[in-house]
Structures are given as structure tokens and as C-alpha cells.
Amino acid sequence: MTRLTDINLENFRCHKHLRLQVPGADWVVLAGGNGSGKTSILEALYIAARGRSFRSSSLADVIRHGNSSALALLKASDTRNHILGVEIQNRRRQSRLNGSTTDLTAIAQAIPVEYLGGDSVGLLQASPADRRRFMDWTLFHVEPGFLPVWRQWYRAHRQRNTLLKMGATAKALEPWTEAAAGYGDQVSRFRAQLITSLQTVFASVKCSLVTNPKLDFRQGWRGTNLREAYMESSNREIQQGRAVVGPQHDDWVLEVGGRTGSELSRGQAKLASLFLYRCQAELMMNAERRPIYLMDDLAADLDRSALSAALGLWRDTAVQIWVTMLAEDASQALPGEVARFHVEHNEVSRS
């Protein structure tokens, strides 16, 4: 079971110095008022594990005012112990895993971290790009063959778009069209298979308030063959200077009780999204991966019954969850071993 056990931050947003020790906890609760620094702790964990922020496009924004760098040091345990350190200077990030400079792929394999934002209604009402990221991050962990294929497709797709923007001839496009079509077909097949696998998991991961869930994969082009789709859309490609069909337009739709995400309330959409993340975790655990979830403001938009249902989803799982809550929600009963911290005026204390 992957667990973050020791967190050290220096000059990270509002936190000059911060240390948290949470050996063995299933749930780590960060409770406090708005603006107290709770989300900044989750952000530090996410940047260390994923290499980017969920709050800002510039990593320099996380450096505490008046300082030249920010540091985060994480200790994690599963079948072995890991030490992950990240230093941010201006827009540069340097990461070291177990003493060696490494890339994000190795970090993600060692310490898989996923973030569930508190200011959105979740995957169902997010952008298609967010739903593609959900698919691809899951596939990265459960399907070893996915990442190499995705990289080959993305390289060909990007080069092909560059040539289209330049007004290149069909002859110049041909090798990149072949590569993008061949690898693109495979990328979408992987994604379609994942959606089928998630649908299968619905039978074992149940939530009383998520009724008759149904997932539908939406391929980013008509027909079965991407190369033919490229040919059929060639005039539009020339006009727009980019590919208008392909895996970059893949999407999926979840129906709950016969209604799609746009027809659900904020609370219903958030609960359904949490249900999907729980199904994602099930697939990952079946693949012997143990994700860590960062849940920001979990109680927002959920009434008492929905919050109870959301928490019940994670009973008897092998994942660790870091969750921020307002102080008035902090006494909520949680299914597992809990470490609770109070965050106030950038100071953190055990509660």
C-alpha cells in the first residue's frame, strides 16, 4: 500500500517551514478556514509527484514571497521506501527520487498521485481534455503498452499539425499521416477498452445515490479507420491549419439515472465523479498499483447523505486519501485510520 508518511516544505506559498508525519494513516485530514494554507499542502504534493500545479500555469507562483526557491521533500512507503525531493527556482523544477535525478514517468510509477479539485463539479461537467487526462493517467498505470504508443502518436500528430499550419503538400504530410493514423487508432482503442473495463467495475463498486451508471466512449472521428477520416477531412484541415479529427477529440459520457452530466446538479455530478475515481482506483489496485488521492474541499456541494455516500465508496480500500475540509466538517467519521491536522495562519498542528 503506497503511503505518504513524512512531508517537509520550505518556502512553499504561505508555508515558510512545514513538517507533517503521518505513518500508516489511510486518511489525512487538513482542516481549517478558507485561506489557511490547506490547498497549498495538496499542491506541493501534486507538484512533487506530477511536475505541475493544479492552480497555476507557472511553477514560480508557488515560491513564497521574498524567496528564490521552494522545496518539497516527501517520504513514501509501499513494498519499498521512497524519498522524493523537488526544488523550484523561477520556472525550473528539479526532481530527485531516492537520491537520483529522474523524470516524471519514474516518479509517477513509484508514487501515483491523483488530484480531485474542490472548486469544480468533477469530471462529468469538466472539459473533454480533463476526461482524456483521466483515461490516460489510468491507462499509464494499468496498461504498460499505452505510454509508448501515445508518445509515438503525439509526436506524429504534433509534427503533422506543424506542417498543416505551414501549408505543406500532401507528399510532405504523407509519412506523418501514416504514423499519426496508425498510432492514433491504437490510442483510441486503448481508451475504448478502458471505458469498457470501468463499466465492468461498476458491478463491484456500488453507490446507492449513483443509480444505473452507464459509460459511453466517444471516438474522435467517424468510422473505424483514422487514415480514412484524415482523407475525408483534408479540406477542413487545410482551412484550419490543423488536424480536425483524431484521438485529441476522444471523449466519454457518463449517464446516471438516464441523465448526462450537464443535466445533473453540482452535488450529483461531484458524487458521480467520485464514483468514477473509485472505479479508477479499483482498476489500479487490480493491476497492483496503489494510488494516493488528494481531495480538495471534499464536502463542498455535497449534502449530508451525499457526503456519507462519497465516504462510503472508500471503505476497505488500500488507498491513502489526503482531504481538506472546513473546520466545522473536520469531525466527520471516516472509514479507516485517520490523522487529523488543524491548519491556521499557515501553521499546522495535530488535532
Protein backbone atom coordinates (compact mmCIF):
# COMPACT_ATOMS: atom_id res chain seq x y z
CA MET A 1 0.00 0.00 0.00
CA THR A 2 1.51 3.31 -1.09
CA ARG A 3 1.51 5.81 1.78
CA LEU A 4 2.98 9.27 2.14
CA THR A 5 4.44 9.24 5.64
CA ASP A 6 6.56 12.38 6.03
CA ILE A 7 6.16 15.78 4.34
CA ASN A 8 8.62 18.68 4.57
CA LEU A 9 8.00 22.01 2.82
CA GLU A 10 10.15 25.13 2.72
CA ASN A 11 9.04 28.48 1.30
CA PHE A 12 6.09 26.90 -0.45
CA ARG A 13 3.40 29.54 -0.95
CA CYS A 14 2.34 30.65 2.54
CA HIS A 15 4.33 27.93 4.34
CA LYS A 16 7.82 29.01 5.41
CA HIS A 17 8.54 25.71 7.16
CA LEU A 18 6.13 22.82 7.47
CA ARG A 19 6.50 19.21 8.52
CA LEU A 20 3.81 16.54 8.74
CA GLN A 21 4.35 12.97 9.89
CA VAL A 22 1.52 10.55 9.18
CA PRO A 23 2.86 6.97 9.36
CA GLY A 24 0.25 4.44 8.32
CA ALA A 25 -2.76 6.76 8.02
CA ASP A 26 -5.47 5.88 5.49
CA TRP A 27 -6.93 9.41 5.70
CA VAL A 28 -5.02 12.63 6.31
CA VAL A 29 -7.45 15.44 7.16
CA LEU A 30 -6.31 19.06 6.78
CA ALA A 31 -8.96 21.21 8.43
CA GLY A 32 -9.19 24.98 8.75
CA GLY A 33 -10.72 28.12 7.38
CA ASN A 34 -10.53 29.49 3.86
CA GLY A 35 -7.10 30.88 3.03
CA SER A 36 -5.38 28.99 5.83
CA GLY A 37 -2.98 27.10 3.54
CA LYS A 38 -4.71 23.70 3.28
CA THR A 39 -4.81 23.55 -0.50
CA SER A 40 -1.18 24.70 -0.73
CA ILE A 41 -0.13 21.50 1.03
CA LEU A 42 -2.00 19.39 -1.53
CA GLU A 43 -0.49 21.49 -4.30
CA ALA A 44 3.03 20.77 -3.03
CA LEU A 45 2.34 17.02 -3.03
CA TYR A 46 0.90 17.22 -6.54
CA ILE A 47 3.80 19.22 -7.95
CA ALA A 48 6.32 16.81 -6.43
CA ALA A 49 4.53 13.79 -7.93
CA ARG A 50 3.18 15.20 -11.20
CA GLY A 51 5.54 18.06 -12.05
CA ARG A 52 2.92 20.76 -12.46
CA SER A 53 0.47 22.75 -10.39
CA PHE A 54 -3.31 22.41 -10.45
CA ARG A 55 -3.62 26.10 -9.50
CA SER A 56 -1.19 27.96 -11.74
CA SER A 57 0.49 27.55 -15.11
CA SER A 58 3.75 28.92 -13.67
CA LEU A 59 5.64 26.99 -11.03
CA ALA A 60 7.32 30.24 -9.96
CA ASP A 61 3.99 31.24 -8.37
CA VAL A 62 4.43 28.70 -5.58
CA ILE A 63 7.65 30.27 -4.26
CA ARG A 64 6.99 32.16 -1.04
CA HIS A 65 7.27 35.91 -1.49
CA GLY A 66 10.77 37.18 -0.90
CA ASN A 67 12.49 33.85 -1.56
CA SER A 68 14.30 32.48 -4.61
CA SER A 69 13.24 28.83 -4.35
CA ALA A 70 10.74 26.42 -2.84
CA LEU A 71 11.45 22.89 -1.64
CA ALA A 72 9.29 19.84 -1.00
CA LEU A 73 10.59 16.57 0.43
CA LEU A 74 8.28 13.57 0.59
CA LYS A 75 8.79 10.15 2.08
CA ALA A 76 6.59 7.31 0.88
CA SER A 77 6.37 3.61 1.55
CA ASP A 78 4.94 0.63 -0.30
CA THR A 79 6.90 -2.56 -0.92
CA ARG A 80 9.95 -0.31 -0.51
CA ASN A 81 10.63 3.16 0.86
CA HIS A 82 10.96 6.19 -1.40
CA ILE A 83 12.32 9.68 -0.86
CA LEU A 84 11.16 12.27 -3.37
CA GLY A 85 12.53 15.79 -3.42
CA VAL A 86 11.66 18.70 -5.69
CA GLU A 87 13.21 22.16 -5.85
CA ILE A 88 11.59 25.00 -7.77
CA GLN A 89 13.60 28.02 -8.88
CA ASN A 90 11.78 30.55 -11.07
CA ARG A 91 10.09 28.31 -13.65
CA ARG A 92 12.57 25.45 -13.31
CA ARG A 93 11.88 22.25 -11.44
CA GLN A 94 14.47 19.66 -10.42
CA SER A 95 13.32 16.34 -9.00
CA ARG A 96 15.26 13.58 -7.30
CA LEU A 97 13.87 10.17 -6.43
CA ASN A 98 15.84 8.09 -3.93
CA GLY A 99 18.87 10.31 -4.44
CA SER A 100 18.93 10.30 -8.25
CA THR A 101 17.75 12.87 -10.74
CA THR A 102 14.83 11.35 -12.60
CA ASP A 103 11.87 12.06 -14.86
CA LEU A 104 8.17 12.26 -14.10
CA THR A 105 7.46 8.80 -15.50
CA ALA A 106 9.62 7.12 -12.86
CA ILE A 107 8.11 9.29 -10.13
CA ALA A 108 4.55 8.51 -11.21
CA GLN A 109 5.31 4.80 -11.20
CA ALA A 110 6.78 4.99 -7.70
CA ILE A 111 4.25 7.40 -6.15
CA PRO A 112 0.98 7.60 -8.13
CA VAL A 113 -0.92 10.73 -7.09
CA GLU A 114 -4.28 11.99 -8.39
CA TYR A 115 -5.99 15.31 -7.54
CA LEU A 116 -9.74 15.85 -7.21
CA GLY A 117 -10.42 19.59 -7.21
CA GLY A 118 -12.82 21.17 -4.79
CA ASP A 119 -13.83 24.12 -6.99
CA SER A 120 -15.33 22.05 -9.78
CA VAL A 121 -18.25 19.68 -10.17
CA GLY A 122 -15.92 16.98 -11.34
CA LEU A 123 -15.28 15.02 -14.46
CA LEU A 124 -18.82 14.98 -15.77
CA GLN A 125 -19.04 18.74 -16.26
CA ALA A 126 -15.34 19.39 -16.88
CA SER A 127 -13.73 19.79 -20.29
CA PRO A 128 -13.12 16.85 -22.66
CA ALA A 129 -9.38 17.42 -22.10
CA ASP A 130 -9.89 16.65 -18.39
CA ARG A 131 -11.70 13.44 -19.26
CA ARG A 132 -8.92 12.42 -21.64
CA ARG A 133 -6.37 13.03 -18.87
CA PHE A 134 -8.45 10.80 -16.59
CA MET A 135 -8.32 8.00 -19.18
CA ASP A 136 -4.65 8.42 -20.00
CA TRP A 137 -3.42 8.60 -16.39
CA THR A 138 -5.37 5.43 -15.61
CA LEU A 139 -4.02 3.66 -18.70
CA PHE A 140 -0.48 4.69 -17.80
CA HIS A 141 -0.83 2.65 -14.61
CA VAL A 142 -2.89 -0.32 -15.80
CA GLU A 143 -1.74 -0.84 -19.40
CA PRO A 144 2.07 -0.94 -19.87
CA GLY A 145 1.80 -0.68 -23.66
CA PHE A 146 -0.16 2.56 -23.67
CA LEU A 147 2.50 5.21 -22.97
CA PRO A 148 4.91 4.26 -25.81
CA VAL A 149 2.04 4.24 -28.30
CA TRP A 150 0.66 7.55 -27.03
CA ARG A 151 4.09 9.17 -27.32
CA GLN A 152 4.50 7.98 -30.90
CA TRP A 153 1.05 9.24 -31.83
CA TYR A 154 1.56 12.61 -30.14
CA ARG A 155 4.91 13.14 -31.85
CA ALA A 156 3.40 12.39 -35.27
CA HIS A 157 0.26 14.42 -34.54
CA ARG A 158 2.26 17.45 -33.43
CA GLN A 159 4.59 17.31 -36.46
CA ARG A 160 1.64 16.86 -38.80
CA ASN A 161 -0.08 19.91 -37.28
CA THR A 162 3.09 21.95 -37.76
CA LEU A 163 3.19 21.02 -41.44
CA LEU A 164 -0.52 21.75 -41.90
CA LYS A 165 -0.04 25.18 -40.38
CA MET A 166 2.81 25.78 -42.85
CA GLY A 167 0.62 24.72 -45.78
CA ALA A 168 2.76 21.67 -46.62
CA THR A 169 1.99 19.47 -49.62
CA ALA A 170 0.21 16.13 -49.34
CA LYS A 171 3.50 14.41 -50.15
CA ALA A 172 5.27 16.09 -47.23
CA LEU A 173 2.38 15.17 -44.94
CA GLU A 174 2.18 11.53 -46.02
CA PRO A 175 4.71 9.88 -43.63
CA TRP A 176 3.30 11.79 -40.65
CA THR A 177 -0.26 10.99 -41.69
CA GLU A 178 0.60 7.28 -41.78
CA ALA A 179 2.24 7.42 -38.36
CA ALA A 180 -0.47 9.54 -36.74
CA ALA A 181 -3.21 7.30 -38.16
CA GLY A 182 -1.57 4.03 -37.14
CA TYR A 183 -0.69 5.06 -33.61
CA GLY A 184 -3.85 7.15 -33.23
CA ASP A 185 -6.04 4.14 -33.95
CA GLN A 186 -4.22 2.28 -31.17
CA VAL A 187 -4.55 5.15 -28.67
CA SER A 188 -8.30 5.29 -29.13
CA ARG A 189 -8.62 1.51 -28.90
CA PHE A 190 -6.79 1.59 -25.57
CA ARG A 191 -9.16 4.29 -24.33
CA ALA A 192 -12.25 2.46 -25.54
CA GLN A 193 -11.08 -0.71 -23.80
CA LEU A 194 -10.55 1.27 -20.58
CA ILE A 195 -14.10 2.62 -20.69
CA THR A 196 -15.36 -0.95 -21.09
CA SER A 197 -13.24 -2.04 -18.11
CA LEU A 198 -14.59 0.80 -15.97
CA GLN A 199 -18.14 -0.16 -16.90
CA THR A 200 -17.38 -3.71 -15.79
CA VAL A 201 -16.15 -2.45 -12.40
CA PHE A 202 -19.50 -0.73 -11.79
CA ALA A 203 -20.90 -4.09 -10.71
CA SER A 204 -18.49 -4.32 -7.74
CA VAL A 205 -18.19 -0.63 -6.83
CA LYS A 206 -21.66 0.49 -5.92
CA CYS A 207 -23.10 3.73 -4.58
CA SER A 208 -26.74 3.98 -3.58
CA LEU A 209 -27.01 7.55 -4.91
CA VAL A 210 -25.39 6.78 -8.28
CA THR A 211 -28.16 4.83 -9.99
CA ASN A 212 -27.79 2.83 -13.21
CA PRO A 213 -24.46 4.36 -14.28
CA LYS A 214 -23.60 3.90 -17.93
CA LEU A 215 -20.38 4.91 -19.70
CA ASP A 216 -20.16 5.58 -23.42
CA PHE A 217 -16.86 6.17 -25.26
CA ARG A 218 -16.94 8.84 -27.98
CA GLN A 219 -14.22 8.34 -30.59
CA GLY A 220 -12.69 11.50 -32.03
CA TRP A 221 -13.69 10.71 -35.61
CA ARG A 222 -16.43 8.97 -37.55
CA GLY A 223 -15.87 5.44 -38.79
CA THR A 224 -13.28 2.91 -37.70
CA ASN A 225 -10.22 3.97 -39.70
CA LEU A 226 -8.39 7.16 -38.75
CA ARG A 227 -6.49 7.37 -42.03
CA GLU A 228 -9.74 7.47 -43.97
CA ALA A 229 -11.03 10.11 -41.57
CA TYR A 230 -7.93 12.20 -42.30
CA MET A 231 -8.60 11.95 -46.03
CA GLU A 232 -12.27 12.86 -45.65
CA SER A 233 -11.43 15.91 -43.55
CA SER A 234 -8.48 17.10 -45.65
CA ASN A 235 -10.25 20.25 -46.89
CA ARG A 236 -11.16 21.32 -43.36
CA GLU A 237 -7.60 20.58 -42.24
CA ILE A 238 -6.21 22.86 -44.94
CA GLN A 239 -8.66 25.62 -43.98
CA GLN A 240 -7.93 25.40 -40.25
CA GLY A 241 -4.24 24.51 -40.46
CA ARG A 242 -4.53 21.60 -38.05
CA ALA A 243 -5.99 18.12 -37.68
CA VAL A 244 -9.72 18.24 -37.01
CA VAL A 245 -10.18 14.53 -36.26
CA GLY A 246 -8.23 12.06 -34.14
CA PRO A 247 -7.60 10.97 -30.53
CA GLN A 248 -7.23 14.61 -29.47
CA HIS A 249 -11.04 14.73 -29.73
CA ASP A 250 -11.79 11.45 -27.90
CA ASP A 251 -14.27 11.80 -25.04
CA TRP A 252 -16.68 9.82 -22.90
CA VAL A 253 -20.10 10.42 -21.37
CA LEU A 254 -21.46 9.06 -18.11
CA GLU A 255 -25.20 8.74 -17.67
CA VAL A 256 -26.63 8.43 -14.16
CA GLY A 257 -30.29 7.52 -13.86
CA GLY A 258 -30.65 8.26 -17.58
CA ARG A 259 -29.24 11.79 -17.25
CA THR A 260 -25.89 13.07 -18.55
CA GLY A 261 -23.52 15.29 -16.61
CA SER A 262 -24.98 18.56 -17.90
CA GLU A 263 -28.38 17.52 -16.54
CA LEU A 264 -27.14 16.77 -13.02
CA SER A 265 -26.88 19.17 -10.09
CA ARG A 266 -23.44 20.16 -8.84
CA GLY A 267 -23.70 17.73 -5.94
CA GLN A 268 -24.90 14.86 -8.12
CA ALA A 269 -22.12 15.48 -10.67
CA LYS A 270 -19.48 15.61 -7.94
CA LEU A 271 -20.68 12.37 -6.35
CA ALA A 272 -20.76 10.64 -9.74
CA SER A 273 -17.21 11.87 -10.39
CA LEU A 274 -16.04 10.48 -7.05
CA PHE A 275 -17.68 7.20 -8.02
CA LEU A 276 -15.61 7.15 -11.22
CA TYR A 277 -12.39 7.85 -9.32
CA ARG A 278 -13.26 4.97 -7.01
CA CYS A 279 -13.68 2.72 -10.07
CA GLN A 280 -10.34 4.01 -11.36
CA ALA A 281 -8.76 3.03 -8.05
CA GLU A 282 -10.27 -0.45 -8.34
CA LEU A 283 -8.71 -0.98 -11.76
CA MET A 284 -5.38 0.26 -10.47
CA MET A 285 -5.47 -1.98 -7.42
CA ASN A 286 -6.29 -4.92 -9.69
CA ALA A 287 -3.10 -4.02 -11.55
CA GLU A 288 -1.21 -3.93 -8.20
CA ARG A 289 -0.99 -0.15 -8.20
CA ARG A 290 -1.93 1.81 -5.06
CA PRO A 291 -2.86 5.40 -5.85
CA ILE A 292 -2.86 8.33 -3.43
CA TYR A 293 -5.79 10.74 -3.80
CA LEU A 294 -5.75 14.44 -2.95
CA MET A 295 -9.34 15.58 -2.36
CA ASP A 296 -9.74 19.33 -2.02
CA ASP A 297 -12.77 20.54 -0.04
CA LEU A 298 -14.48 17.17 -0.25
CA ALA A 299 -17.67 18.28 1.50
CA ALA A 300 -18.37 21.19 -0.88
CA ASP A 301 -21.61 20.77 -2.90
CA LEU A 302 -22.49 17.53 -1.06
CA ASP A 303 -25.38 17.33 1.38
CA ARG A 304 -25.14 15.03 4.38
CA SER A 305 -26.42 11.92 2.60
CA ALA A 306 -24.22 12.51 -0.47
CA LEU A 307 -21.14 13.09 1.70
CA SER A 308 -21.86 9.87 3.58
CA ALA A 309 -22.20 8.01 0.28
CA ALA A 310 -18.96 9.56 -1.02
CA LEU A 311 -17.02 8.47 2.05
CA GLY A 312 -18.57 5.01 1.95
CA LEU A 313 -17.10 4.48 -1.51
CA TRP A 314 -13.62 4.30 0.02
CA ARG A 315 -14.36 1.84 2.81
CA ASP A 316 -11.96 -1.14 2.89
CA THR A 317 -9.72 0.15 0.11
CA ALA A 318 -5.93 0.12 0.03
CA VAL A 319 -5.51 3.76 -0.98
CA GLN A 320 -4.42 6.77 1.04
CA ILE A 321 -6.52 9.92 0.85
CA TRP A 322 -5.45 13.46 1.76
CA VAL A 323 -8.51 15.64 2.18
CA THR A 324 -9.09 19.30 3.01
CA MET A 325 -12.17 20.33 4.97
CA LEU A 326 -13.54 23.36 6.72
CA ALA A 327 -13.16 23.18 10.49
CA GLU A 328 -16.87 22.51 11.01
CA ASP A 329 -16.67 19.36 8.85
CA ALA A 330 -13.45 18.01 10.39
CA SER A 331 -15.13 15.68 12.89
CA GLN A 332 -16.75 13.68 10.09
CA ALA A 333 -16.37 9.93 10.67
CA LEU A 334 -14.04 8.41 8.10
CA PRO A 335 -13.68 4.72 7.12
CA GLY A 336 -10.14 3.88 8.20
CA GLU A 337 -7.19 5.08 10.26
CA VAL A 338 -7.25 8.88 10.37
CA ALA A 339 -4.59 11.53 11.04
CA ARG A 340 -6.16 14.96 11.61
CA PHE A 341 -4.39 18.31 11.40
CA HIS A 342 -5.59 21.85 12.02
CA VAL A 343 -4.28 24.49 9.62
CA GLU A 344 -4.48 28.12 10.74
CA HIS A 345 -2.43 31.19 9.85
CA ASN A 346 -0.02 28.99 7.89
CA GLU A 347 0.65 26.88 10.98
CA VAL A 348 -0.22 23.18 11.20
CA SER A 349 -0.91 21.26 14.40
CA ARG A 350 -2.11 17.74 15.16
CA SER A 351 -5.73 17.66 16.27
